Amino acid sequence: MIDYLLKSAGCLALLLLFYHLVLEKEKMHIFNRFYLLGSVIFSLLVPFATLTVASTTAFTEAVKPILYTTASIENTAPISIKESFDYSLVFIGIYGFVSSILLLRFGKNVFTIIQKIKANKKIQHQSATLVLVEDTILPHSFWNAIFINKNEFEQGSIETELFTHELTHVSQKHTLDILFIAMLHILFWINPLFIFFKKAIQLNHEFLADETVINQHQNTFQY
């Protein structure tokens, strides 16, 4: 398992480095979205790939006949084998315990969001559901729900550009990416690179939403 984690982390690090050095500077946000997601999947599958090279020497040694003599068998002293403690079981136990804690925290957060949606007033707006909350917050989205401050909405003080920004997150299903990387981080919490990948994915989501706003409203300077 440790060997798998090291190989996966190495591959993930190279792909992330290439993204930051080359792709992040380019305005290919849709491509970058799938590059980041594909990089994670690729790094998890690469360690399973094996390259087998036939060795003539090994084959020759394998087919050599093994000769045993009666004398050698009789003179061989019994070998005592001591059972060693299996630390891998301890590692797996600790690893599973931490993953369980992270999974519970993740489930609690999702449950809190669902309860927040149910407890507040909702208004249908295009392809999304506006959730009007009393808290002073900046508009943000989860799945097809957009959370906004109730007073600001009723006073009409929320700019149209902000609605477009959050609607882009909803229509392009950005929550799926976040849930996907969050679940992988729970399974592979020991690898800190998943944190950086999550931040890169979230930042790319913002680029995608900003790009839609600029294209629709044509007010780059004001936005």
Protein backbone atom coordinates (compact mmCIF):
# COMPACT_ATOMS: atom_id res chain seq x y z
CA MET A 1 0.00 0.00 0.00
CA ILE A 2 2.82 2.40 0.89
CA ASP A 3 4.47 1.70 -2.47
CA TYR A 4 1.18 2.52 -4.23
CA LEU A 5 0.79 5.80 -2.32
CA LEU A 6 4.35 6.89 -3.15
CA LYS A 7 3.97 6.16 -6.86
CA SER A 8 0.61 7.91 -6.99
CA ALA A 9 1.95 10.96 -5.13
CA GLY A 10 4.94 11.21 -7.46
CA CYS A 11 2.75 11.16 -10.55
CA LEU A 12 0.33 13.65 -8.99
CA ALA A 13 3.17 16.03 -8.13
CA LEU A 14 4.52 16.03 -11.70
CA LEU A 15 1.08 16.69 -13.22
CA LEU A 16 0.35 19.48 -10.74
CA LEU A 17 3.75 21.07 -11.40
CA PHE A 18 3.10 21.03 -15.16
CA TYR A 19 -0.30 22.66 -14.57
CA HIS A 20 1.13 25.53 -12.51
CA LEU A 21 4.11 26.10 -14.80
CA VAL A 22 2.31 25.87 -18.15
CA LEU A 23 -1.46 25.47 -18.23
CA GLU A 24 -2.53 27.85 -15.46
CA LYS A 25 -1.16 30.82 -17.44
CA GLU A 26 -3.22 29.96 -20.49
CA LYS A 27 -6.87 30.96 -20.86
CA MET A 28 -8.03 27.40 -21.49
CA HIS A 29 -10.24 27.10 -18.43
CA ILE A 30 -12.53 24.37 -19.76
CA PHE A 31 -9.54 22.27 -20.82
CA ASN A 32 -7.85 22.94 -17.47
CA ARG A 33 -10.93 21.73 -15.63
CA PHE A 34 -10.77 18.33 -17.26
CA TYR A 35 -6.98 18.24 -17.09
CA LEU A 36 -7.07 18.61 -13.30
CA LEU A 37 -9.78 15.98 -12.87
CA GLY A 38 -8.09 13.65 -15.35
CA SER A 39 -4.73 14.10 -13.64
CA VAL A 40 -6.16 12.85 -10.34
CA ILE A 41 -7.71 9.79 -11.97
CA PHE A 42 -4.57 9.09 -14.00
CA SER A 43 -2.30 9.28 -10.94
CA LEU A 44 -4.50 6.76 -9.12
CA LEU A 45 -4.36 4.27 -12.01
CA VAL A 46 -0.69 4.58 -12.99
CA PRO A 47 0.69 2.54 -10.05
CA PHE A 48 -1.31 -0.46 -11.27
CA ALA A 49 0.51 -0.45 -14.61
CA THR A 50 3.45 -2.84 -14.72
CA LEU A 51 6.18 -3.30 -17.32
CA THR A 52 7.44 -6.86 -17.62
CA VAL A 53 10.84 -7.49 -19.22
CA ALA A 54 11.93 -11.06 -19.88
CA SER A 55 15.35 -11.92 -18.47
CA THR A 56 17.38 -14.64 -20.18
CA THR A 57 19.63 -15.13 -17.14
CA ALA A 58 16.70 -15.52 -14.79
CA PHE A 59 15.08 -18.01 -17.15
CA THR A 60 18.29 -20.07 -17.42
CA GLU A 61 18.70 -20.20 -13.67
CA ALA A 62 15.07 -21.22 -13.26
CA VAL A 63 15.38 -24.28 -15.48
CA LYS A 64 18.58 -25.60 -13.93
CA PRO A 65 17.96 -28.87 -12.09
CA ILE A 66 18.19 -28.70 -8.33
CA LEU A 67 20.20 -31.55 -6.84
CA TYR A 68 19.76 -32.67 -3.27
CA THR A 69 22.03 -35.13 -1.56
CA THR A 70 21.07 -37.33 1.31
CA ALA A 71 24.02 -36.04 3.32
CA SER A 72 23.03 -32.43 2.96
CA ILE A 73 19.50 -33.17 4.05
CA GLU A 74 20.61 -35.21 7.07
CA ASN A 75 23.17 -32.64 8.21
CA THR A 76 20.81 -29.70 7.94
CA ALA A 77 19.92 -28.35 11.38
CA PRO A 78 16.36 -27.29 12.06
CA ILE A 79 15.81 -23.56 11.63
CA SER A 80 13.71 -21.73 14.18
CA ILE A 81 11.42 -19.06 12.75
CA LYS A 82 10.38 -16.21 14.99
CA GLU A 83 7.08 -14.50 14.28
CA SER A 84 7.56 -10.78 13.68
CA PHE A 85 4.98 -8.16 14.59
CA ASP A 86 2.94 -7.04 11.58
CA TYR A 87 3.10 -3.22 11.64
CA SER A 88 1.10 -3.01 8.42
CA LEU A 89 -2.05 -3.90 10.36
CA VAL A 90 -1.41 -0.99 12.73
CA PHE A 91 -0.88 1.35 9.78
CA ILE A 92 -4.08 0.18 8.08
CA GLY A 93 -6.01 0.56 11.33
CA ILE A 94 -4.81 4.15 11.91
CA TYR A 95 -5.34 5.01 8.25
CA GLY A 96 -8.90 3.69 8.32
CA PHE A 97 -9.67 5.50 11.58
CA VAL A 98 -8.56 8.89 10.22
CA SER A 99 -10.50 8.30 6.98
CA SER A 100 -13.61 7.48 9.02
CA ILE A 101 -13.29 10.72 11.01
CA LEU A 102 -12.91 12.75 7.80
CA LEU A 103 -15.88 10.96 6.24
CA LEU A 104 -18.06 11.74 9.26
CA ARG A 105 -17.03 15.40 9.13
CA PHE A 106 -17.77 15.51 5.39
CA GLY A 107 -21.20 13.95 5.94
CA LYS A 108 -21.95 16.41 8.73
CA ASN A 109 -21.09 19.37 6.51
CA VAL A 110 -23.29 18.13 3.67
CA PHE A 111 -26.13 17.45 6.13
CA THR A 112 -25.79 21.00 7.51
CA ILE A 113 -26.06 22.46 4.01
CA ILE A 114 -29.17 20.38 3.26
CA GLN A 115 -30.77 21.47 6.52
CA LYS A 116 -29.94 25.09 5.71
CA ILE A 117 -31.72 24.75 2.37
CA LYS A 118 -34.80 23.25 4.00
CA ALA A 119 -34.96 25.82 6.81
CA ASN A 120 -34.91 28.98 4.68
CA LYS A 121 -37.15 30.56 2.09
CA LYS A 122 -36.50 29.41 -1.46
CA ILE A 123 -37.19 31.09 -4.80
CA GLN A 124 -36.79 29.46 -8.20
CA HIS A 125 -34.49 31.47 -10.46
CA GLN A 126 -33.76 30.08 -13.92
CA SER A 127 -31.95 26.74 -13.43
CA ALA A 128 -31.15 27.39 -9.78
CA THR A 129 -32.91 27.74 -6.44
CA LEU A 130 -32.21 30.89 -4.47
CA VAL A 131 -31.95 30.22 -0.74
CA LEU A 132 -32.59 33.40 1.24
CA VAL A 133 -30.69 33.36 4.53
CA GLU A 134 -30.52 35.85 7.38
CA ASP A 135 -26.73 35.62 7.66
CA THR A 136 -24.56 38.32 6.15
CA ILE A 137 -22.82 36.30 3.44
CA LEU A 138 -21.45 36.62 -0.03
CA PRO A 139 -23.47 34.70 -2.64
CA HIS A 140 -22.24 31.14 -3.01
CA SER A 141 -23.64 27.93 -4.44
CA PHE A 142 -23.94 24.24 -3.71
CA TRP A 143 -25.35 21.94 -6.39
CA ASN A 144 -28.36 23.88 -7.76
CA ALA A 145 -28.82 26.08 -4.68
CA ILE A 146 -27.50 29.64 -4.47
CA PHE A 147 -27.26 31.09 -0.96
CA ILE A 148 -27.78 34.85 -0.72
CA ASN A 149 -28.62 37.34 2.00
CA LYS A 150 -32.39 37.81 2.30
CA ASN A 151 -32.31 41.57 2.96
CA GLU A 152 -29.96 42.28 0.07
CA PHE A 153 -32.15 40.25 -2.29
CA GLU A 154 -35.38 41.99 -1.22
CA GLN A 155 -33.72 45.41 -1.55
CA GLY A 156 -32.41 44.51 -5.01
CA SER A 157 -28.83 45.39 -4.08
CA ILE A 158 -27.26 42.22 -5.52
CA GLU A 159 -25.68 42.88 -8.90
CA THR A 160 -26.81 40.89 -11.93
CA GLU A 161 -23.20 39.89 -12.55
CA LEU A 162 -23.12 38.03 -9.23
CA PHE A 163 -26.21 36.07 -10.18
CA THR A 164 -24.60 35.16 -13.51
CA HIS A 165 -21.42 34.14 -11.70
CA GLU A 166 -23.22 31.75 -9.35
CA LEU A 167 -25.54 30.47 -12.09
CA THR A 168 -22.44 29.43 -14.02
CA HIS A 169 -21.30 27.32 -11.07
CA VAL A 170 -24.74 25.69 -11.01
CA SER A 171 -25.14 25.11 -14.74
CA GLN A 172 -21.62 23.71 -15.17
CA LYS A 173 -22.04 21.36 -12.17
CA HIS A 174 -18.92 22.57 -10.37
CA THR A 175 -20.16 20.99 -7.15
CA LEU A 176 -19.54 17.57 -8.69
CA ASP A 177 -15.83 18.37 -9.04
CA ILE A 178 -15.59 19.51 -5.43
CA LEU A 179 -17.44 16.46 -4.09
CA PHE A 180 -15.25 14.18 -6.20
CA ILE A 181 -11.96 15.64 -4.99
CA ALA A 182 -13.27 15.81 -1.41
CA MET A 183 -14.06 12.08 -1.40
CA LEU A 184 -10.63 11.26 -2.81
CA HIS A 185 -9.02 13.43 -0.15
CA ILE A 186 -10.87 11.39 2.48
CA LEU A 187 -9.50 8.15 1.02
CA PHE A 188 -5.97 9.51 0.46
CA TRP A 189 -5.73 12.05 3.28
CA ILE A 190 -2.09 11.16 3.82
CA ASN A 191 -1.22 12.81 0.49
CA PRO A 192 -1.26 16.63 0.95
CA LEU A 193 -1.23 17.18 -2.81
CA PHE A 194 -4.99 16.63 -2.88
CA ILE A 195 -5.37 19.87 -0.92
CA PHE A 196 -3.48 21.78 -3.61
CA PHE A 197 -5.48 20.07 -6.35
CA LYS A 198 -8.72 21.07 -4.62
CA LYS A 199 -7.58 24.71 -4.46
CA ALA A 200 -6.55 24.62 -8.13
CA ILE A 201 -9.93 23.18 -9.13
CA GLN A 202 -11.84 25.79 -7.10
CA LEU A 203 -9.77 28.63 -8.57
CA ASN A 204 -10.37 27.32 -12.08
CA HIS A 205 -14.12 27.28 -11.32
CA GLU A 206 -13.88 30.98 -10.50
CA PHE A 207 -12.09 31.64 -13.78
CA LEU A 208 -14.86 29.82 -15.66
CA ALA A 209 -17.59 31.80 -13.90
CA ASP A 210 -15.76 35.11 -14.42
CA GLU A 211 -15.29 34.32 -18.10
CA THR A 212 -19.04 33.75 -18.51
CA VAL A 213 -19.87 37.03 -16.75
CA ILE A 214 -17.47 39.01 -18.94
CA ASN A 215 -18.78 37.40 -22.14
CA GLN A 216 -22.43 38.00 -21.24
CA HIS A 217 -22.25 41.50 -19.74
CA GLN A 218 -19.33 42.97 -21.67
CA ASN A 219 -18.19 45.11 -18.74
CA THR A 220 -14.76 43.79 -17.89
CA PHE A 221 -13.55 47.00 -16.23
CA GLN A 222 -16.59 47.41 -14.00
CA TYR A 223 -16.71 43.70 -13.06
